[in-house]
Amino acid sequence: MKKLKLAFIGGGINSIAGYPHFAATNLDGKFEILAGVFSRNKEINLKTAERYNVKYIFHDVDKLLDEMRDEVDIIVILTPTPFHYEHTVKAIKKGFAVFCEKPLFKTLKEIKNFEKEFINKSYFLAVSYNYIGYPLMIELRDLIQKGMLGDIVSINLEMPQESFLKPPKGIDYPSWWRKKDDEIPTIALDLASHLFSMSYFLTKENITEVISIKSKYSKFGVIDDIKASVKYENSTTGILWVSKVALGNRNGLKVSVYGTKGSAVFFQEEPEKIVFTDSNGIKTILDRASNLEISKNKLYNRMIPGHPSGYIEAFANIYSAIYDSYLYYIENGVMKEDPLIWTFDKEKLNFEFLSKL
């Protein structure tokens, strides 16, 4: 198997995103991290390169992009959100494929500027929304698409966290960019973008109407709680809730889908299960041992049922889709269609939604 060569921009050992991406790239033997600029801090940059066993270490993004063009297949952007636009544009202009941590950019204006600059041009760009990579989330999508839940009546998505009310982990917590709101609140970019990605992944329906309440409860002076009622392209409605001030919730991601024939609930803290309820009220727990259509796939069974797959495996599933899509792109000049690949067009819809919150 050919290994694709990666270069990381960001993702140092002191970051949230770095190690999960490092671990996911190594899980299936499809990638090698060849180069990186992991941090502006020279010491962290060097320590990260040593920890990840990276051959080429750079201290400047432009130098990496200039010198690695013939060596690296995909640039992985793991910097804080405010730098995503700058690094993505630079990398694509240099001819690199790009896999960027979510959200792609920070404003709808940046989305429109990117679209204008690269319209009708060929490029490979994918965005990392790893929660859609859970096998049982993929299974839930299949159940919905096959009509097992009937017509979808309501979709409720929630992602409550508690970090803004808990004692800080350190003097620099939360990060500076999380304590600043732009035209789209940072909590929306950080959390609500995930909820849109999941609702679109599951239903293929765009959100067309939004009524929201935005609140500030913590000492940081930014919006830290959003509750929204939404309406989709069809008659489906839903509720979205994201929070940084919901004590008792580490990362309480929950997806509840209600249809005319049944309902299904996915709770990230029990990622091996879907609780399905039919129209007679009978509850069934579906897991990877249930011989389901999608999650029995060998890719999603690195370990047998009863030995839970989790967050890193979900990331690895996204990377596996990136691998196949990139090879297809090299051969055909267009990205391979895959529901796990979050494209620019999908992210544009995401930002149109986020701008309405």
Protein backbone atom coordinates (compact mmCIF):
# COMPACT_ATOMS: atom_id res chain seq x y z
CA MET A 1 0.00 0.00 0.00
CA LYS A 2 1.32 3.42 -0.95
CA LYS A 3 1.65 5.75 2.01
CA LEU A 4 0.56 9.32 1.41
CA LYS A 5 2.99 11.92 2.73
CA LEU A 6 1.60 14.58 5.06
CA ALA A 7 2.88 17.87 6.42
CA PHE A 8 1.28 19.38 9.53
CA ILE A 9 0.84 23.11 10.01
CA GLY A 10 0.02 23.40 13.70
CA GLY A 11 -0.84 20.41 15.85
CA GLY A 12 1.93 20.69 18.42
CA ILE A 13 2.05 18.41 21.44
CA ASN A 14 0.49 21.20 23.52
CA SER A 15 -2.57 21.48 21.25
CA ILE A 16 -5.96 19.79 21.47
CA ALA A 17 -6.08 18.62 17.85
CA GLY A 18 -2.49 17.55 17.28
CA TYR A 19 -2.24 14.16 18.95
CA PRO A 20 -5.66 12.83 17.77
CA HIS A 21 -4.65 13.61 14.18
CA PHE A 22 -1.21 12.06 14.70
CA ALA A 23 -2.75 8.90 16.17
CA ALA A 24 -5.43 8.65 13.47
CA THR A 25 -2.90 8.93 10.64
CA ASN A 26 -0.98 5.97 12.08
CA LEU A 27 -3.90 3.65 12.75
CA ASP A 28 -4.26 2.04 9.31
CA GLY A 29 -0.78 2.49 7.83
CA LYS A 30 -1.95 4.76 4.99
CA PHE A 31 -0.06 7.93 5.91
CA GLU A 32 3.34 9.21 6.98
CA ILE A 33 3.87 12.61 8.59
CA LEU A 34 6.94 13.71 6.68
CA ALA A 35 7.25 17.38 7.66
CA GLY A 36 5.75 20.03 9.86
CA VAL A 37 5.60 23.46 11.40
CA PHE A 38 3.91 22.41 14.60
CA SER A 39 4.22 25.54 16.69
CA ARG A 40 5.56 29.09 16.65
CA ASN A 41 7.29 28.14 19.90
CA LYS A 42 10.64 26.71 18.79
CA GLU A 43 10.94 24.32 21.75
CA ILE A 44 7.44 22.88 21.29
CA ASN A 45 8.04 22.64 17.54
CA LEU A 46 11.19 20.56 18.06
CA LYS A 47 9.68 18.39 20.79
CA THR A 48 6.66 17.65 18.59
CA ALA A 49 8.82 16.65 15.64
CA GLU A 50 10.75 14.30 17.92
CA ARG A 51 7.57 12.85 19.45
CA TYR A 52 5.95 12.29 16.04
CA ASN A 53 9.23 11.05 14.50
CA VAL A 54 9.06 13.63 11.70
CA LYS A 55 11.92 13.81 9.21
CA TYR A 56 11.71 17.46 8.12
CA ILE A 57 11.09 20.16 10.71
CA PHE A 58 10.47 23.78 9.69
CA HIS A 59 10.01 26.97 11.69
CA ASP A 60 8.32 28.89 8.88
CA VAL A 61 5.16 27.94 6.94
CA ASP A 62 6.25 29.59 3.68
CA LYS A 63 9.57 27.74 3.74
CA LEU A 64 7.80 24.41 4.23
CA LEU A 65 5.42 25.09 1.33
CA ASP A 66 8.31 26.12 -0.94
CA GLU A 67 10.62 23.21 -0.14
CA MET A 68 8.17 20.32 0.27
CA ARG A 69 6.11 20.65 -2.93
CA ASP A 70 7.63 17.56 -4.54
CA GLU A 71 7.71 15.55 -1.31
CA VAL A 72 4.34 16.07 0.38
CA ASP A 73 0.90 15.00 -0.88
CA ILE A 74 -1.42 16.68 1.62
CA ILE A 75 -1.07 19.65 3.96
CA VAL A 76 -2.96 19.14 7.23
CA ILE A 77 -3.89 22.47 8.85
CA LEU A 78 -4.29 22.29 12.63
CA THR A 79 -3.66 25.89 13.63
CA PRO A 80 -6.20 27.95 15.62
CA THR A 81 -9.27 28.92 13.57
CA PRO A 82 -8.20 32.54 12.86
CA PHE A 83 -5.26 31.26 10.77
CA HIS A 84 -7.13 28.68 8.67
CA TYR A 85 -7.91 31.04 5.78
CA GLU A 86 -4.33 32.28 5.39
CA HIS A 87 -2.77 28.82 5.49
CA THR A 88 -5.37 27.13 3.29
CA VAL A 89 -5.10 29.75 0.55
CA LYS A 90 -1.29 29.65 0.62
CA ALA A 91 -1.17 25.86 0.43
CA ILE A 92 -3.66 25.56 -2.43
CA LYS A 93 -1.90 28.30 -4.41
CA LYS A 94 1.30 26.27 -4.06
CA GLY A 95 -0.49 23.25 -5.55
CA PHE A 96 -1.01 21.20 -2.39
CA ALA A 97 -4.05 19.19 -1.42
CA VAL A 98 -5.40 20.42 1.93
CA PHE A 99 -7.14 18.75 4.86
CA CYS A 100 -8.13 21.46 7.34
CA GLU A 101 -9.38 21.13 10.90
CA LYS A 102 -12.87 22.55 11.34
CA PRO A 103 -14.18 25.14 10.82
CA LEU A 104 -12.63 25.92 7.46
CA PHE A 105 -12.53 29.69 8.08
CA LYS A 106 -13.99 32.16 10.62
CA THR A 107 -16.30 34.42 8.60
CA LEU A 108 -18.76 34.09 5.74
CA LYS A 109 -16.74 36.79 3.96
CA GLU A 110 -13.67 34.53 3.95
CA ILE A 111 -15.79 31.73 2.48
CA LYS A 112 -17.00 34.03 -0.31
CA ASN A 113 -13.50 35.40 -0.97
CA PHE A 114 -12.12 31.87 -1.27
CA GLU A 115 -14.94 30.84 -3.60
CA LYS A 116 -14.33 33.87 -5.82
CA GLU A 117 -10.57 33.28 -6.00
CA PHE A 118 -10.72 29.57 -6.77
CA ILE A 119 -13.94 29.30 -8.79
CA ASN A 120 -13.57 26.95 -11.77
CA LYS A 121 -10.13 25.87 -10.52
CA SER A 122 -9.22 22.32 -9.61
CA TYR A 123 -8.14 21.73 -6.02
CA PHE A 124 -8.41 19.14 -3.26
CA LEU A 125 -9.84 20.54 -0.04
CA ALA A 126 -11.54 18.67 2.79
CA VAL A 127 -12.56 19.76 6.28
CA SER A 128 -12.27 17.64 9.42
CA TYR A 129 -15.60 17.00 11.17
CA ASN A 130 -14.69 13.80 12.94
CA TYR A 131 -17.99 13.01 14.71
CA ILE A 132 -19.52 11.86 11.42
CA GLY A 133 -16.80 9.19 11.37
CA TYR A 134 -18.30 7.10 14.18
CA PRO A 135 -19.47 3.76 12.72
CA LEU A 136 -22.84 4.03 14.46
CA MET A 137 -23.30 7.58 13.18
CA ILE A 138 -22.72 6.22 9.67
CA GLU A 139 -25.18 3.42 10.46
CA LEU A 140 -27.77 5.97 11.61
CA ARG A 141 -27.40 7.79 8.31
CA ASP A 142 -28.07 4.53 6.46
CA LEU A 143 -31.20 3.84 8.55
CA ILE A 144 -32.54 7.31 7.75
CA GLN A 145 -31.73 7.09 4.04
CA LYS A 146 -33.48 3.71 3.78
CA GLY A 147 -36.63 5.06 5.41
CA MET A 148 -36.41 2.91 8.54
CA LEU A 149 -37.50 5.92 10.62
CA GLY A 150 -40.13 7.02 8.10
CA ASP A 151 -40.46 10.70 7.25
CA ILE A 152 -38.22 12.72 9.55
CA VAL A 153 -40.26 14.94 11.86
CA SER A 154 -37.60 16.40 14.14
CA ILE A 155 -33.83 16.38 14.67
CA ASN A 156 -32.44 17.51 18.00
CA LEU A 157 -28.69 17.98 18.37
CA GLU A 158 -26.88 19.11 21.48
CA MET A 159 -23.28 19.62 22.48
CA PRO A 160 -23.12 20.98 26.03
CA GLN A 161 -19.76 21.49 27.71
CA GLU A 162 -18.74 22.97 31.07
CA SER A 163 -15.24 24.37 30.58
CA PHE A 164 -16.02 28.09 30.97
CA LEU A 165 -17.34 27.62 34.52
CA LYS A 166 -14.79 25.11 35.76
CA PRO A 167 -11.45 26.13 37.32
CA PRO A 168 -9.00 26.86 34.46
CA LYS A 169 -6.54 24.17 33.45
CA GLY A 170 -3.75 26.73 33.25
CA ILE A 171 -3.00 30.44 33.05
CA ASP A 172 -3.53 30.47 29.28
CA TYR A 173 -6.87 28.63 29.35
CA PRO A 174 -9.09 29.13 27.45
CA SER A 175 -6.93 29.99 24.45
CA TRP A 176 -6.88 33.66 23.45
CA TRP A 177 -8.91 33.08 20.30
CA ARG A 178 -11.70 31.35 22.22
CA LYS A 179 -12.16 34.53 24.29
CA LYS A 180 -12.92 36.70 21.27
CA ASP A 181 -16.06 36.82 19.12
CA ASP A 182 -16.17 37.93 15.48
CA GLU A 183 -19.25 38.26 13.26
CA ILE A 184 -19.92 34.58 14.01
CA PRO A 185 -19.56 33.74 17.72
CA THR A 186 -16.57 31.53 18.43
CA ILE A 187 -18.75 28.95 20.18
CA ALA A 188 -20.74 28.64 16.95
CA LEU A 189 -17.57 28.10 14.92
CA ASP A 190 -16.26 25.67 17.51
CA LEU A 191 -19.36 23.61 18.38
CA ALA A 192 -22.42 24.54 16.29
CA SER A 193 -20.44 23.84 13.12
CA HIS A 194 -20.19 20.22 14.31
CA LEU A 195 -23.97 20.01 14.79
CA PHE A 196 -24.66 21.30 11.28
CA SER A 197 -22.18 18.81 9.83
CA MET A 198 -23.99 15.96 11.58
CA SER A 199 -27.50 17.07 10.60
CA TYR A 200 -26.48 17.51 6.95
CA PHE A 201 -24.56 14.23 6.97
CA LEU A 202 -27.59 12.36 8.30
CA THR A 203 -30.33 13.97 6.20
CA LYS A 204 -28.72 15.75 3.21
CA GLU A 205 -31.08 18.61 4.11
CA ASN A 206 -29.97 22.22 4.50
CA ILE A 207 -31.20 24.43 7.34
CA THR A 208 -33.27 27.30 5.92
CA GLU A 209 -34.74 29.06 8.98
CA VAL A 210 -33.15 29.84 12.34
CA ILE A 211 -34.42 31.44 15.55
CA SER A 212 -31.78 31.58 18.25
CA ILE A 213 -31.07 32.85 21.75
CA LYS A 214 -27.44 33.72 22.47
CA SER A 215 -26.29 34.21 26.05
CA LYS A 216 -23.22 35.24 28.05
CA TYR A 217 -22.84 33.68 31.50
CA SER A 218 -19.10 33.25 32.10
CA LYS A 219 -16.45 35.81 33.03
CA PHE A 220 -14.91 35.80 29.55
CA GLY A 221 -17.38 38.23 27.98
CA VAL A 222 -18.14 36.12 24.92
CA ILE A 223 -21.24 34.21 23.90
CA ASP A 224 -21.05 30.88 25.69
CA ASP A 225 -24.52 29.37 25.18
CA ILE A 226 -26.73 29.19 22.08
CA LYS A 227 -30.15 27.60 21.80
CA ALA A 228 -31.73 27.53 18.35
CA SER A 229 -34.94 26.33 16.74
CA VAL A 230 -34.37 25.44 13.10
CA LYS A 231 -36.34 24.42 10.02
CA TYR A 232 -34.98 22.33 7.16
CA GLU A 233 -35.67 22.39 3.41
CA ASN A 234 -38.54 19.96 3.88
CA SER A 235 -41.01 20.14 6.78
CA THR A 236 -38.49 18.84 9.32
CA THR A 237 -37.80 21.01 12.36
CA GLY A 238 -35.20 20.72 15.07
CA ILE A 239 -33.44 22.13 18.10
CA LEU A 240 -29.72 22.83 18.40
CA TRP A 241 -27.97 23.59 21.69
CA VAL A 242 -24.32 24.34 22.27
CA SER A 243 -22.86 25.51 25.55
CA LYS A 244 -19.61 26.08 27.42
CA VAL A 245 -21.46 26.65 30.72
CA ALA A 246 -23.40 23.40 31.22
CA LEU A 247 -21.83 22.01 34.38
CA GLY A 248 -21.84 18.23 34.51
CA ASN A 249 -21.28 17.86 30.77
CA ARG A 250 -17.75 17.08 29.61
CA ASN A 251 -18.78 16.94 25.96
CA GLY A 252 -22.39 15.79 25.96
CA LEU A 253 -22.84 15.29 22.24
CA LYS A 254 -26.26 13.77 21.58
CA VAL A 255 -28.22 13.28 18.36
CA SER A 256 -31.94 12.44 18.50
CA VAL A 257 -33.85 11.79 15.28
CA TYR A 258 -37.64 11.37 15.31
CA GLY A 259 -39.60 9.98 12.36
CA THR A 260 -43.11 8.76 11.56
CA LYS A 261 -42.04 5.11 11.91
CA GLY A 262 -39.52 5.32 14.72
CA SER A 263 -36.78 7.26 16.47
CA ALA A 264 -33.06 6.83 17.01
CA VAL A 265 -30.69 8.31 19.56
CA PHE A 266 -26.87 8.46 19.44
CA PHE A 267 -24.95 9.59 22.52
CA GLN A 268 -21.21 10.06 22.09
CA GLU A 269 -20.35 8.79 25.56
CA GLU A 270 -21.78 5.43 24.40
CA PRO A 271 -20.49 5.52 20.80
CA GLU A 272 -21.09 1.81 20.15
CA LYS A 273 -24.89 2.15 20.42
CA ILE A 274 -27.95 3.49 18.69
CA VAL A 275 -31.17 3.26 20.69
CA PHE A 276 -33.95 2.62 18.15
CA THR A 277 -37.63 2.83 19.11
CA ASP A 278 -40.35 1.64 16.71
CA SER A 279 -43.95 2.86 16.41
CA ASN A 280 -45.08 0.28 18.99
CA GLY A 281 -42.71 1.73 21.57
CA ILE A 282 -40.34 -1.25 21.47
CA LYS A 283 -36.75 -0.18 22.11
CA THR A 284 -33.85 -1.96 20.42
CA ILE A 285 -30.17 -1.35 21.07
CA LEU A 286 -28.15 -1.55 17.86
CA ASP A 287 -24.39 -1.98 18.05
CA ARG A 288 -21.52 -3.33 15.95
CA ALA A 289 -22.39 -6.89 17.01
CA SER A 290 -25.87 -6.58 15.48
CA ASN A 291 -24.75 -7.49 11.93
CA LEU A 292 -25.78 -4.05 10.72
CA GLU A 293 -25.41 -2.95 7.12
CA ILE A 294 -22.63 -0.38 7.49
CA SER A 295 -20.82 -0.89 10.78
CA LYS A 296 -20.00 -4.54 9.98
CA ASN A 297 -17.53 -3.17 7.41
CA LYS A 298 -14.01 -4.41 8.18
CA LEU A 299 -12.72 -0.83 8.32
CA TYR A 300 -15.02 -0.13 11.27
CA ASN A 301 -14.01 -3.30 13.13
CA ARG A 302 -10.35 -2.79 13.94
CA MET A 303 -11.30 -4.50 17.20
CA ILE A 304 -14.20 -6.94 17.58
CA PRO A 305 -17.53 -5.78 19.09
CA GLY A 306 -17.40 -5.52 22.86
CA HIS A 307 -14.08 -3.68 22.60
CA PRO A 308 -15.32 -0.13 21.96
CA SER A 309 -14.12 1.97 19.07
CA GLY A 310 -13.93 5.65 19.86
CA TYR A 311 -12.82 9.16 19.04
CA ILE A 312 -9.46 8.30 17.47
CA GLU A 313 -11.03 5.55 15.35
CA ALA A 314 -13.64 8.04 14.11
CA PHE A 315 -10.79 10.33 13.05
CA ALA A 316 -9.08 7.39 11.34
CA ASN A 317 -12.27 6.63 9.39
CA ILE A 318 -12.22 10.19 8.05
CA TYR A 319 -8.55 9.83 7.13
CA SER A 320 -9.29 6.56 5.32
CA ALA A 321 -11.90 8.38 3.22
CA ILE A 322 -9.37 11.17 2.56
CA TYR A 323 -6.87 8.57 1.37
CA ASP A 324 -9.28 7.06 -1.17
CA SER A 325 -10.58 10.43 -2.33
CA TYR A 326 -7.09 11.85 -2.85
CA LEU A 327 -5.94 8.88 -4.95
CA TYR A 328 -9.12 9.25 -7.02
CA TYR A 329 -8.41 12.98 -7.39
CA ILE A 330 -4.87 12.36 -8.67
CA GLU A 331 -6.19 9.95 -11.30
CA ASN A 332 -9.36 11.78 -12.35
CA GLY A 333 -8.88 15.45 -11.45
CA VAL A 334 -11.97 15.58 -9.22
CA MET A 335 -12.57 14.53 -5.64
CA LYS A 336 -14.30 11.21 -5.07
CA GLU A 337 -17.80 11.54 -3.64
CA ASP A 338 -17.94 10.24 -0.09
CA PRO A 339 -20.34 11.31 2.68
CA LEU A 340 -17.40 11.33 5.11
CA ILE A 341 -15.56 13.94 3.01
CA TRP A 342 -16.69 17.39 4.10
CA THR A 343 -16.15 19.56 1.03
CA PHE A 344 -16.02 23.32 0.48
CA ASP A 345 -19.60 23.33 -0.85
CA LYS A 346 -20.84 21.70 2.36
CA GLU A 347 -18.82 24.11 4.49
CA LYS A 348 -20.33 27.04 2.59
CA LEU A 349 -23.80 25.83 3.63
CA ASN A 350 -22.48 25.46 7.18
CA PHE A 351 -21.31 29.07 7.29
CA GLU A 352 -24.56 30.35 5.82
CA PHE A 353 -26.27 28.62 8.76
CA LEU A 354 -23.76 29.85 11.35
CA SER A 355 -24.18 33.44 10.14
CA LYS A 356 -27.91 33.19 10.96
CA LEU A 357 -27.39 32.18 14.59
